[in-house]
Amino acid sequence: MKVLAVIPARGGSKSIPHKNIVSVGGKPLIAWTIEEAQRSKHIDRLIVSTDSDQIAEIAVEYGAEVPFKRPAELAADDTPGIEPIIHAVRWLEENQEYKPDCVMCLTPTSPLRSSADIDIVVELMDQKGTDAVVSVVLAKHHPYWMKSISSTGFMLDFLAQEDFIPRRQELPPVYALNGSIYLARREILLEKRTWYTSKTYAYVMPEDRSIDIDSQWDLKLATLMMQDRIGQ
């Protein structure tokens, strides 16, 4: 299969200024994703979609393609994450006559994913004959133990259950999207405009490679883990 990998990296970020190029382990954050994607056995082409000249310059420095500048209307805070990916696929077809079999999204805020993770996702799609494969991680906080709070301050069950399960070992396993890897067949992505169909397969990643940087605390943790990885 011919796989296009797209790294979406807009310039704006409210939680961490210039988040996608902040230094982590001595490199811009986006560099870790670029380098692991380059090590993949299955990625045919790697591009970065960005509205930022600075991010584009860094991406090219580390070996990614930046064939276009993302339109401003696709780089707003409320832009659905799927839109820049679809834009990239359409742009490459219309301007370069490039049509991959599958499209992968690799978020730069997941710097601890490995090239092996990327390759396994591609191989799972081929083996399982799925529409898509999305990475997940075992949820740290089980929804059966989560509560909502009423307008008067009293706790309510977030999910109704007949009997409370007091032991974690007895809870049914649940998984959370870790935001690391999304892969879909090109025609499915363009038709459905989503990574999720009735034939989306789950790739379970370990917690230590599933950090998604969204806060200063996430950034500190990822930096420590990256320093530990570099030191090994």
Protein backbone atom coordinates (compact mmCIF):
# COMPACT_ATOMS: atom_id res chain seq x y z
CA MET A 1 0.00 0.00 0.00
CA LYS A 2 1.12 3.54 -0.77
CA VAL A 3 0.80 5.50 2.48
CA LEU A 4 0.77 9.29 2.77
CA ALA A 5 1.62 10.56 6.26
CA VAL A 6 0.44 14.05 7.20
CA ILE A 7 1.69 15.89 10.27
CA PRO A 8 -0.78 18.70 11.10
CA ALA A 9 1.00 21.53 12.91
CA ARG A 10 -0.67 24.90 13.10
CA GLY A 11 1.16 27.89 14.54
CA GLY A 12 -1.42 28.91 17.13
CA SER A 13 -1.61 27.26 20.55
CA LYS A 14 -3.29 28.55 23.69
CA SER A 15 -2.07 26.00 26.24
CA ILE A 16 1.64 26.20 25.33
CA PRO A 17 2.92 29.05 23.10
CA HIS A 18 4.50 27.70 19.89
CA LYS A 19 3.77 24.19 21.19
CA ASN A 20 4.62 22.28 18.03
CA ILE A 21 8.19 23.58 17.96
CA VAL A 22 8.89 23.94 21.69
CA SER A 23 12.14 22.23 22.69
CA VAL A 24 11.81 18.68 24.02
CA GLY A 25 14.94 16.63 24.60
CA GLY A 26 17.02 19.15 22.69
CA LYS A 27 14.86 19.18 19.54
CA PRO A 28 11.72 20.97 18.37
CA LEU A 29 8.71 18.87 19.38
CA ILE A 30 7.69 18.22 15.76
CA ALA A 31 11.16 16.82 14.96
CA TRP A 32 10.52 13.65 16.99
CA THR A 33 7.48 12.78 14.89
CA ILE A 34 9.25 13.58 11.62
CA GLU A 35 12.23 11.40 12.49
CA GLU A 36 10.17 8.38 13.56
CA ALA A 37 8.01 8.68 10.44
CA GLN A 38 11.17 8.69 8.31
CA ARG A 39 12.24 5.43 9.96
CA SER A 40 8.98 3.73 8.97
CA LYS A 41 9.18 0.95 6.40
CA HIS A 42 5.75 1.74 4.99
CA ILE A 43 5.38 5.50 4.61
CA ASP A 44 5.65 6.52 0.96
CA ARG A 45 5.52 10.26 1.52
CA LEU A 46 5.71 12.53 4.58
CA ILE A 47 4.33 16.08 4.57
CA VAL A 48 3.64 18.75 7.16
CA SER A 49 0.48 20.86 6.92
CA THR A 50 1.04 24.22 8.60
CA ASP A 51 0.09 27.88 8.42
CA SER A 52 3.37 28.90 10.07
CA ASP A 53 6.50 29.84 8.13
CA GLN A 54 8.63 29.03 11.18
CA ILE A 55 7.17 25.53 11.55
CA ALA A 56 7.55 24.98 7.80
CA GLU A 57 11.23 25.93 7.95
CA ILE A 58 11.90 23.56 10.84
CA ALA A 59 9.95 20.74 9.19
CA VAL A 60 12.01 21.03 6.00
CA GLU A 61 15.21 21.20 8.06
CA TYR A 62 14.35 17.81 9.58
CA GLY A 63 13.46 16.25 6.24
CA ALA A 64 9.70 16.59 5.80
CA GLU A 65 7.97 18.06 2.78
CA VAL A 66 5.91 21.25 3.07
CA PRO A 67 4.34 21.46 -0.39
CA PHE A 68 1.80 24.15 0.51
CA LYS A 69 0.87 26.63 3.21
CA ARG A 70 -2.32 25.74 5.04
CA PRO A 71 -5.13 28.27 4.53
CA ALA A 72 -5.87 30.40 7.60
CA GLU A 73 -9.47 29.18 7.77
CA LEU A 74 -8.13 25.66 8.37
CA ALA A 75 -5.88 26.76 11.23
CA ALA A 76 -8.42 28.21 13.63
CA ASP A 77 -9.01 27.03 17.20
CA ASP A 78 -12.33 25.46 16.22
CA THR A 79 -11.20 23.80 12.97
CA PRO A 80 -12.13 20.09 13.08
CA GLY A 81 -8.96 18.01 13.05
CA ILE A 82 -9.99 16.02 9.99
CA GLU A 83 -10.25 19.11 7.73
CA PRO A 84 -6.49 19.85 7.31
CA ILE A 85 -5.92 16.19 6.45
CA ILE A 86 -8.62 16.17 3.77
CA HIS A 87 -7.28 19.48 2.44
CA ALA A 88 -3.80 17.95 2.13
CA VAL A 89 -5.11 14.90 0.28
CA ARG A 90 -7.14 17.03 -2.14
CA TRP A 91 -4.27 19.50 -2.70
CA LEU A 92 -1.79 16.75 -3.59
CA GLU A 93 -4.26 15.17 -6.02
CA GLU A 94 -5.18 18.44 -7.72
CA ASN A 95 -1.70 19.96 -7.87
CA GLN A 96 0.62 16.95 -8.12
CA GLU A 97 -1.66 14.13 -9.28
CA TYR A 98 -0.62 12.17 -6.20
CA LYS A 99 -3.17 9.63 -4.92
CA PRO A 100 -2.06 7.35 -2.08
CA ASP A 101 -3.91 4.20 -1.07
CA CYS A 102 -4.04 5.22 2.58
CA VAL A 103 -3.68 8.39 4.60
CA MET A 104 -2.08 8.61 8.03
CA CYS A 105 -2.26 11.46 10.52
CA LEU A 106 0.64 11.77 12.96
CA THR A 107 0.15 14.50 15.55
CA PRO A 108 3.34 16.28 16.61
CA THR A 109 2.11 16.36 20.22
CA SER A 110 2.77 12.60 20.54
CA PRO A 111 6.59 12.54 20.48
CA LEU A 112 7.04 9.14 22.16
CA ARG A 113 5.39 6.99 19.47
CA SER A 114 7.92 4.85 17.61
CA SER A 115 8.43 3.93 13.98
CA ALA A 116 7.48 0.39 15.03
CA ASP A 117 4.07 1.69 16.18
CA ILE A 118 3.59 3.35 12.79
CA ASP A 119 4.52 0.19 10.90
CA ILE A 120 2.27 -2.04 13.02
CA VAL A 121 -0.71 0.22 12.28
CA VAL A 122 -0.11 -0.05 8.53
CA GLU A 123 0.34 -3.82 8.75
CA LEU A 124 -2.85 -4.20 10.79
CA MET A 125 -4.85 -2.43 8.10
CA ASP A 126 -3.45 -4.77 5.48
CA GLN A 127 -3.94 -7.92 7.58
CA LYS A 128 -7.42 -7.11 8.91
CA GLY A 129 -8.83 -5.52 5.75
CA THR A 130 -10.19 -2.59 7.75
CA ASP A 131 -11.40 0.87 6.76
CA ALA A 132 -9.14 2.46 9.35
CA VAL A 133 -6.82 1.83 12.30
CA VAL A 134 -6.62 4.23 15.26
CA SER A 135 -4.28 4.08 18.26
CA VAL A 136 -5.68 3.82 21.77
CA VAL A 137 -4.40 3.30 25.32
CA LEU A 138 -5.92 1.53 28.31
CA ALA A 139 -7.87 4.24 30.14
CA LYS A 140 -6.38 5.35 33.46
CA HIS A 141 -9.73 6.55 34.84
CA HIS A 142 -12.63 4.16 34.42
CA PRO A 143 -15.99 5.73 33.51
CA TYR A 144 -17.76 3.51 36.08
CA TRP A 145 -15.85 5.38 38.79
CA MET A 146 -16.49 8.84 37.35
CA LYS A 147 -19.07 11.20 38.81
CA SER A 148 -20.98 14.27 37.75
CA ILE A 149 -22.07 16.97 40.20
CA SER A 150 -25.62 18.23 40.43
CA SER A 151 -26.54 21.93 40.51
CA THR A 152 -26.88 21.58 44.29
CA GLY A 153 -23.41 20.08 44.69
CA PHE A 154 -24.29 16.39 45.13
CA MET A 155 -22.41 13.61 43.36
CA LEU A 156 -24.20 11.56 40.72
CA ASP A 157 -23.08 8.51 38.76
CA PHE A 158 -21.77 9.55 35.37
CA LEU A 159 -22.76 6.13 33.99
CA ALA A 160 -25.66 4.19 35.44
CA GLN A 161 -24.75 0.75 36.75
CA GLU A 162 -26.72 -1.86 38.66
CA ASP A 163 -24.00 -2.70 41.18
CA PHE A 164 -20.96 -0.67 42.15
CA ILE A 165 -17.70 -2.44 41.31
CA PRO A 166 -15.27 -1.66 44.16
CA ARG A 167 -12.16 -3.48 42.83
CA ARG A 168 -10.25 -2.17 39.83
CA GLN A 169 -9.35 -5.72 38.83
CA GLU A 170 -13.04 -6.47 38.25
CA LEU A 171 -13.73 -3.48 36.02
CA PRO A 172 -14.24 -4.24 32.31
CA PRO A 173 -11.33 -2.78 30.30
CA VAL A 174 -11.99 0.48 28.48
CA TYR A 175 -9.70 2.35 26.11
CA ALA A 176 -9.10 6.00 25.35
CA LEU A 177 -7.95 7.60 22.11
CA ASN A 178 -4.33 8.61 22.65
CA GLY A 179 -4.19 10.98 19.66
CA SER A 180 -1.02 9.40 18.28
CA ILE A 181 -1.80 7.56 15.02
CA TYR A 182 -4.77 7.64 12.66
CA LEU A 183 -4.83 5.68 9.41
CA ALA A 184 -7.63 5.30 6.86
CA ARG A 185 -8.08 4.22 3.29
CA ARG A 186 -8.10 7.29 1.09
CA GLU A 187 -11.54 6.72 -0.43
CA ILE A 188 -13.09 6.07 2.99
CA LEU A 189 -11.54 9.22 4.44
CA LEU A 190 -12.79 11.41 1.61
CA GLU A 191 -16.25 9.86 1.56
CA LYS A 192 -16.93 9.60 5.30
CA ARG A 193 -14.73 12.49 6.49
CA THR A 194 -13.88 10.56 9.62
CA TRP A 195 -11.44 7.98 10.98
CA TYR A 196 -14.27 6.08 12.63
CA THR A 197 -16.48 3.59 10.81
CA SER A 198 -17.92 0.24 11.83
CA LYS A 199 -14.65 -1.21 10.51
CA THR A 200 -12.13 0.90 12.44
CA TYR A 201 -9.59 -1.35 14.15
CA ALA A 202 -7.93 -0.45 17.46
CA TYR A 203 -4.17 -0.51 17.95
CA VAL A 204 -3.42 -0.59 21.68
CA MET A 205 -0.29 1.34 22.63
CA PRO A 206 1.42 1.28 26.04
CA GLU A 207 0.99 4.21 28.39
CA ASP A 208 4.66 5.23 28.21
CA ARG A 209 4.36 5.95 24.46
CA SER A 210 0.89 7.49 24.62
CA ILE A 211 1.55 10.94 26.09
CA ASP A 212 -0.35 13.64 24.20
CA ILE A 213 1.08 17.05 25.07
CA ASP A 214 -1.72 19.48 25.89
CA SER A 215 -0.44 21.19 29.04
CA GLN A 216 2.75 22.32 30.74
CA TRP A 217 2.58 19.21 32.93
CA ASP A 218 2.39 16.97 29.86
CA LEU A 219 5.39 18.82 28.43
CA LYS A 220 7.44 18.32 31.59
CA LEU A 221 6.58 14.62 31.73
CA ALA A 222 7.40 14.08 28.06
CA THR A 223 10.71 15.91 28.49
CA LEU A 224 11.69 13.68 31.41
CA MET A 225 10.73 10.54 29.52
CA MET A 226 12.58 11.68 26.41
CA GLN A 227 15.70 12.44 28.44
CA ASP A 228 15.47 8.96 29.93
CA ARG A 229 15.09 7.42 26.46
CA ILE A 230 18.07 9.36 25.10
CA GLY A 231 20.17 8.27 28.05
CA GLN A 232 19.46 4.58 27.47
